[in-house]
Structures are given as C-alpha cells and as structure tokens.
Amino acid sequence: MTGPVRIEIPTPPGPHPPATNCYAFLAGDAVDLVDPGWDDPASLAALEAGLAGLGTSVDRVRTIVATHWHVDHLPLSARVRERSAARVLLGRGDELDAAVPVDGLLADGDEVVLGDRPVRVVGAPGHTPGSLCLDLGDDGLVTGDTLLAEINPGIGLSFHVEGNPIRDYLATLERLARDFAHRTGLPGHGPDLHDLPSRCAELAAHHRARSAEVVAVLARHPDATVDEIAPQLTWTGGWESLRDVSLRSALRQTAWHRELAAS
C-alpha cells in the first residue's frame, strides 16, 4: 500500500491560494483523485503532467472525491469525468452549491476506496456544510480547507447554510484534535500540518477571540447591528481591506458570532 502523491494544481490569479493540493492514489495504472482543482486549462495541464509522471492519465481516473464544493477544489472533475467516466463524490450538504455533476454524496463514517485502500470519511462541517476529511491512517488525514497550516480558513463559505457554522467548526476542531492527534495533516493548500492539536487550538482560539470582541461591543452597545459591530472587530488585513466575497463573509461571520454571544 502506497501513500497518496501530491500534485500541485495552479489556480488563476486572484484573492485565493496560488495552488490546490490534489492527491492521487494509484491502483496499477488506474488512479483516484482528491480535489482535482479549478476548471482552467492550466489546471488541467498540470493534472495531466502530474498523472503522466506517475505512469497514468486522466483517462484512467476511477473516482474523484472533493473535500468541498469550492471552485478551486471540485470543478475540474467535470472535465475529468467526461474523459474517464469517473464517479464524482462530494460531502452531503455541499450538493446544492456544486456547479458540476456529482454522482454520490458522502457522510461521516462512510467508506470509499482510493487506490488500493478503504478510506474512512470524516465529516468536518464549518468551512462549508459538507466539508469532509479523509482518514488515511498512518499516511495522514486529508483535511481539505478545514485545516491549513498558513491560512485561517473562512467559515460558512457557501450559498446554502443552515444553523451556525462557527459552532459547527469549533466542534470539528475539537474532534480532529482529539481523534486524529497523531496524524499528519494533508491540507488543500500549502504545506503539511505536523501538529494537528496545536493548529486546531490556534484556530479555535482565533474564533473565540472574535466572539469575545463581539461580546465586548454588545456590552457597550446592546442594540448594535451586525453592520455596526463588524468594523469594530479585528480582521486579518484590516476591515478596510475587505471587499466583495471577503466583506460578505465577514458580515455573515459577525452575525454568527453575535448569535453565539447571545446563546
């Protein structure tokens, strides 16, 4: 049994990581993929080159698992599916936002075969409702964007969201730190994570600090609206730097922190 091979798939220029980590699992000359990446000619070329270097090709892809529906993880699967008839699998809860065909939905505790191994699905809601991790045992834990070494993942980044994603994400972090403490994290972007509990603790502290800021604002101004609270919070890069998707995300996160503060 061999571990997954990482193929870096470039993303178009923009306010997002420059590459997505695609993981390839070989079974003879057949291959299964996790997070093929953006639907872009350069991304497809990088995937083709990476698979050729492993002695296989896009035409030999059997199964694709996306850790979540985002444009830098799932959409290239449509082109791969056209050429290989691969099954495309996504976490349950993300299907309403998927812009490409999906053949099946995965939930916590499900099992999927990648390469020559059965792999357990770990539900990890927070970043998106259907975000998932994949437990490879001694070969690590594929974390998608739930855990990243150098970026604080956005929360609730979906069009269809129910409940409170920050509450969900804190529960996810607690579970990953407890149940997968000795795994190496294989993230959706950037370098591996070699201390999952510490990174989970850092991310949990980040969100609890923001909740505390919301509580402090409400203590001074009990009737403050989300639009009034958000500019008073600490945001990476500063409130003034937030635009478009980042601004909308910040306002939604403020609303969810306000809800937690009131609970």
Protein backbone atom coordinates (compact mmCIF):
# COMPACT_ATOMS: atom_id res chain seq x y z
CA MET A 1 0.00 0.00 0.00
CA THR A 2 1.48 3.34 -1.03
CA GLY A 3 0.68 6.78 0.22
CA PRO A 4 -1.02 9.46 -1.84
CA VAL A 5 1.02 11.54 -4.27
CA ARG A 6 0.51 15.28 -4.15
CA ILE A 7 0.07 17.16 -7.42
CA GLU A 8 0.02 20.94 -7.16
CA ILE A 9 -2.73 22.34 -9.38
CA PRO A 10 -2.34 26.08 -10.13
CA THR A 11 -5.27 28.44 -9.70
CA PRO A 12 -5.92 31.54 -11.81
CA PRO A 13 -4.69 34.87 -10.40
CA GLY A 14 -6.93 36.24 -7.70
CA PRO A 15 -7.51 36.58 -3.94
CA HIS A 16 -7.05 32.89 -3.22
CA PRO A 17 -4.13 30.46 -2.75
CA PRO A 18 -1.93 30.08 -5.86
CA ALA A 19 -2.33 26.31 -6.00
CA THR A 20 -4.54 23.49 -4.76
CA ASN A 21 -3.12 20.24 -3.44
CA CYS A 22 -4.61 17.38 -5.46
CA TYR A 23 -3.92 13.90 -4.05
CA ALA A 24 -3.55 10.93 -6.40
CA PHE A 25 -4.00 7.31 -5.26
CA LEU A 26 -2.67 4.64 -7.63
CA ALA A 27 -4.03 1.15 -8.22
CA GLY A 28 -1.94 -0.30 -11.04
CA ASP A 29 -2.31 2.20 -13.89
CA ALA A 30 -5.71 3.32 -12.61
CA VAL A 31 -5.90 6.32 -10.31
CA ASP A 32 -8.28 8.01 -7.89
CA LEU A 33 -8.14 11.73 -7.09
CA VAL A 34 -8.98 14.03 -4.21
CA ASP A 35 -9.60 17.70 -5.08
CA PRO A 36 -8.65 17.92 -8.77
CA GLY A 37 -8.90 21.71 -8.73
CA TRP A 38 -10.11 24.64 -10.80
CA ASP A 39 -11.75 24.23 -14.21
CA ASP A 40 -8.98 26.03 -16.09
CA PRO A 41 -6.68 24.98 -18.99
CA ALA A 42 -3.55 25.49 -16.89
CA SER A 43 -5.04 23.42 -14.09
CA LEU A 44 -5.91 20.59 -16.47
CA ALA A 45 -2.42 20.70 -17.99
CA ALA A 46 -0.85 20.44 -14.53
CA LEU A 47 -3.05 17.48 -13.67
CA GLU A 48 -2.21 15.74 -16.95
CA ALA A 49 1.52 16.28 -16.41
CA GLY A 50 1.36 15.06 -12.84
CA LEU A 51 -0.52 11.91 -13.76
CA ALA A 52 1.80 11.22 -16.70
CA GLY A 53 4.72 11.35 -14.27
CA LEU A 54 3.01 8.60 -12.27
CA GLY A 55 2.54 6.42 -15.32
CA THR A 56 -1.18 7.04 -15.67
CA SER A 57 -3.54 9.58 -17.23
CA VAL A 58 -6.80 11.47 -16.89
CA ASP A 59 -8.48 8.71 -18.91
CA ARG A 60 -7.63 6.22 -16.15
CA VAL A 61 -9.29 8.11 -13.28
CA ARG A 62 -11.90 5.94 -11.50
CA THR A 63 -13.11 8.00 -8.55
CA ILE A 64 -12.89 11.67 -7.61
CA VAL A 65 -13.58 12.89 -4.07
CA ALA A 66 -13.89 16.61 -3.39
CA THR A 67 -13.36 17.72 0.19
CA HIS A 68 -15.85 20.53 -0.52
CA TRP A 69 -17.57 22.25 -3.42
CA HIS A 70 -15.38 25.37 -3.86
CA VAL A 71 -14.18 26.41 -7.31
CA ASP A 72 -10.54 25.61 -6.52
CA HIS A 73 -11.34 22.03 -5.47
CA LEU A 74 -14.26 20.44 -7.34
CA PRO A 75 -14.96 21.88 -10.83
CA LEU A 76 -12.10 20.29 -12.80
CA SER A 77 -13.77 16.98 -12.01
CA ALA A 78 -16.30 17.67 -14.78
CA ARG A 79 -13.62 17.59 -17.49
CA VAL A 80 -12.01 14.51 -15.96
CA ARG A 81 -15.40 12.80 -15.76
CA GLU A 82 -16.05 13.46 -19.47
CA ARG A 83 -12.81 11.67 -20.41
CA SER A 84 -12.81 8.84 -17.91
CA ALA A 85 -16.40 8.25 -16.72
CA ALA A 86 -15.07 8.65 -13.18
CA ARG A 87 -17.50 8.82 -10.27
CA VAL A 88 -17.54 12.22 -8.57
CA LEU A 89 -18.25 12.18 -4.82
CA LEU A 90 -18.92 15.15 -2.55
CA GLY A 91 -19.82 15.68 1.10
CA ARG A 92 -23.54 15.70 1.87
CA GLY A 93 -24.60 19.29 2.44
CA ASP A 94 -22.50 20.76 -0.38
CA GLU A 95 -24.53 19.38 -3.28
CA LEU A 96 -26.77 22.46 -3.59
CA ASP A 97 -23.74 24.63 -4.35
CA ALA A 98 -21.90 22.22 -6.66
CA ALA A 99 -21.76 23.68 -10.18
CA VAL A 100 -20.77 20.38 -11.83
CA PRO A 101 -22.37 16.91 -11.89
CA VAL A 102 -21.95 14.84 -8.74
CA ASP A 103 -22.59 11.10 -8.70
CA GLY A 104 -22.78 10.43 -4.98
CA LEU A 105 -22.77 12.05 -1.56
CA LEU A 106 -20.56 11.10 1.37
CA ALA A 107 -21.31 11.42 5.07
CA ASP A 108 -19.38 10.95 8.29
CA GLY A 109 -18.40 7.31 8.76
CA ASP A 110 -18.78 6.31 5.11
CA GLU A 111 -16.01 4.38 3.41
CA VAL A 112 -14.60 5.00 -0.06
CA VAL A 113 -11.86 3.08 -1.87
CA LEU A 114 -8.94 5.24 -3.00
CA GLY A 115 -6.17 3.42 -4.82
CA ASP A 116 -5.92 0.05 -3.12
CA ARG A 117 -7.24 1.08 0.28
CA PRO A 118 -10.55 1.67 2.04
CA VAL A 119 -10.63 5.20 3.42
CA ARG A 120 -12.96 6.47 6.16
CA VAL A 121 -14.82 9.72 5.61
CA VAL A 122 -14.74 12.20 8.50
CA GLY A 123 -17.47 14.84 8.42
CA ALA A 124 -15.96 18.26 9.12
CA PRO A 125 -18.66 20.95 8.79
CA GLY A 126 -17.67 24.58 9.21
CA HIS A 127 -15.76 25.80 6.17
CA THR A 128 -18.74 24.58 4.16
CA PRO A 129 -21.69 22.48 5.39
CA GLY A 130 -20.43 19.35 3.60
CA SER A 131 -16.68 19.75 4.20
CA LEU A 132 -15.02 16.43 4.86
CA CYS A 133 -11.67 14.95 5.80
CA LEU A 134 -10.30 11.56 4.75
CA ASP A 135 -8.57 9.29 7.25
CA LEU A 136 -5.59 7.52 5.66
CA GLY A 137 -4.35 6.02 8.91
CA ASP A 138 -0.56 6.20 9.18
CA ASP A 139 -0.41 8.09 5.86
CA GLY A 140 -2.22 11.07 7.34
CA LEU A 141 -5.52 12.92 7.34
CA VAL A 142 -6.60 14.76 4.18
CA THR A 143 -8.06 17.96 5.64
CA GLY A 144 -9.17 19.97 2.60
CA ASP A 145 -9.60 23.57 3.75
CA THR A 146 -10.79 22.60 7.23
CA LEU A 147 -7.19 22.81 8.48
CA LEU A 148 -4.49 24.80 6.69
CA ALA A 149 -1.01 25.50 8.01
CA GLU A 150 -0.70 29.13 6.91
CA ILE A 151 -4.27 30.37 6.41
CA ASN A 152 -7.19 30.78 8.78
CA PRO A 153 -9.97 29.05 6.81
CA GLY A 154 -13.11 31.04 6.13
CA ILE A 155 -16.27 29.78 7.81
CA GLY A 156 -19.66 29.14 6.25
CA LEU A 157 -18.42 29.85 2.72
CA SER A 158 -21.48 28.50 0.93
CA PHE A 159 -24.66 29.93 -0.52
CA HIS A 160 -26.82 27.38 1.29
CA VAL A 161 -26.07 27.42 5.01
CA GLU A 162 -28.18 26.28 7.94
CA GLY A 163 -27.51 26.65 11.65
CA ASN A 164 -24.34 28.26 12.93
CA PRO A 165 -21.17 27.25 11.03
CA ILE A 166 -18.88 28.71 13.69
CA ARG A 167 -20.40 26.44 16.31
CA ASP A 168 -20.03 23.55 13.86
CA TYR A 169 -16.41 24.45 13.10
CA LEU A 170 -15.43 24.63 16.77
CA ALA A 171 -16.91 21.15 17.27
CA THR A 172 -14.98 19.92 14.21
CA LEU A 173 -11.72 21.32 15.56
CA GLU A 174 -12.30 19.66 18.93
CA ARG A 175 -12.96 16.31 17.28
CA LEU A 176 -9.95 16.46 14.95
CA ALA A 177 -7.61 17.43 17.78
CA ARG A 178 -8.92 14.60 19.95
CA ASP A 179 -9.34 11.75 17.46
CA PHE A 180 -6.54 12.44 14.99
CA ALA A 181 -3.86 13.95 17.21
CA HIS A 182 -1.04 11.86 15.76
CA ARG A 183 -1.95 12.18 12.09
CA THR A 184 -0.05 14.35 9.63
CA GLY A 185 -2.49 16.80 8.08
CA LEU A 186 -2.58 16.80 4.27
CA PRO A 187 -4.25 20.13 3.50
CA GLY A 188 -5.97 21.58 0.47
CA HIS A 189 -3.33 24.32 0.16
CA GLY A 190 0.20 24.82 1.41
CA PRO A 191 2.48 22.59 3.49
CA ASP A 192 1.60 19.60 5.63
CA LEU A 193 0.49 20.02 9.23
CA HIS A 194 2.68 18.14 11.69
CA ASP A 195 0.88 19.07 14.92
CA LEU A 196 -2.87 18.88 14.39
CA PRO A 197 -3.86 19.57 18.03
CA SER A 198 -1.81 22.77 18.14
CA ARG A 199 -3.22 24.05 14.87
CA CYS A 200 -6.75 23.19 15.95
CA ALA A 201 -6.17 25.06 19.21
CA GLU A 202 -4.86 28.12 17.33
CA LEU A 203 -7.89 28.23 15.06
CA ALA A 204 -10.33 27.70 17.93
CA ALA A 205 -8.65 30.50 19.89
CA HIS A 206 -8.94 32.78 16.84
CA HIS A 207 -12.70 32.33 16.70
CA ARG A 208 -13.23 32.52 20.45
CA ALA A 209 -11.29 35.79 20.49
CA ARG A 210 -13.61 37.20 17.84
CA SER A 211 -16.65 36.08 19.82
CA ALA A 212 -15.20 37.84 22.84
CA GLU A 213 -14.82 41.02 20.77
CA VAL A 214 -18.48 40.81 19.80
CA VAL A 215 -19.45 40.38 23.45
CA ALA A 216 -17.40 43.46 24.34
CA VAL A 217 -19.08 45.57 21.64
CA LEU A 218 -22.54 44.42 22.76
CA ALA A 219 -21.67 45.25 26.36
CA ARG A 220 -21.15 48.86 25.27
CA HIS A 221 -23.92 48.95 22.68
CA PRO A 222 -26.53 46.23 23.37
CA ASP A 223 -28.61 47.11 20.32
CA ALA A 224 -25.70 47.26 17.84
CA THR A 225 -26.45 45.74 14.45
CA VAL A 226 -24.15 43.41 12.55
CA ASP A 227 -23.14 46.30 10.27
CA GLU A 228 -22.19 48.33 13.34
CA ILE A 229 -20.36 45.52 15.11
CA ALA A 230 -18.25 44.19 12.24
CA PRO A 231 -15.99 47.26 11.72
CA GLN A 232 -15.06 47.16 15.42
CA LEU A 233 -13.67 43.64 15.22
CA THR A 234 -10.13 42.53 14.39
CA TRP A 235 -9.90 41.26 10.81
CA THR A 236 -6.81 39.86 9.11
CA GLY A 237 -5.57 42.67 6.87
CA GLY A 238 -7.94 45.18 8.50
CA TRP A 239 -11.61 45.97 8.00
CA GLU A 240 -10.87 48.50 5.24
CA SER A 241 -9.22 45.81 3.10
CA LEU A 242 -12.34 43.64 2.91
CA ARG A 243 -14.14 43.63 -0.43
CA ASP A 244 -16.80 41.60 -2.23
CA VAL A 245 -16.78 37.96 -1.06
CA SER A 246 -14.46 38.71 1.86
CA LEU A 247 -16.71 41.53 3.06
CA ARG A 248 -19.86 39.42 2.78
CA SER A 249 -18.13 36.60 4.64
CA ALA A 250 -17.05 38.96 7.42
CA LEU A 251 -20.59 40.23 7.90
CA ARG A 252 -22.01 36.71 7.98
CA GLN A 253 -19.38 35.59 10.47
CA THR A 254 -20.17 38.61 12.64
CA ALA A 255 -23.84 37.59 12.66
CA TRP A 256 -22.95 34.05 13.70
CA HIS A 257 -20.62 35.29 16.45
CA ARG A 258 -23.40 37.59 17.65
CA GLU A 259 -25.72 34.60 17.79
CA LEU A 260 -23.17 32.64 19.83
CA ALA A 261 -22.74 35.58 22.17
CA ALA A 262 -26.48 35.61 22.82
CA SER A 263 -26.74 31.86 23.44
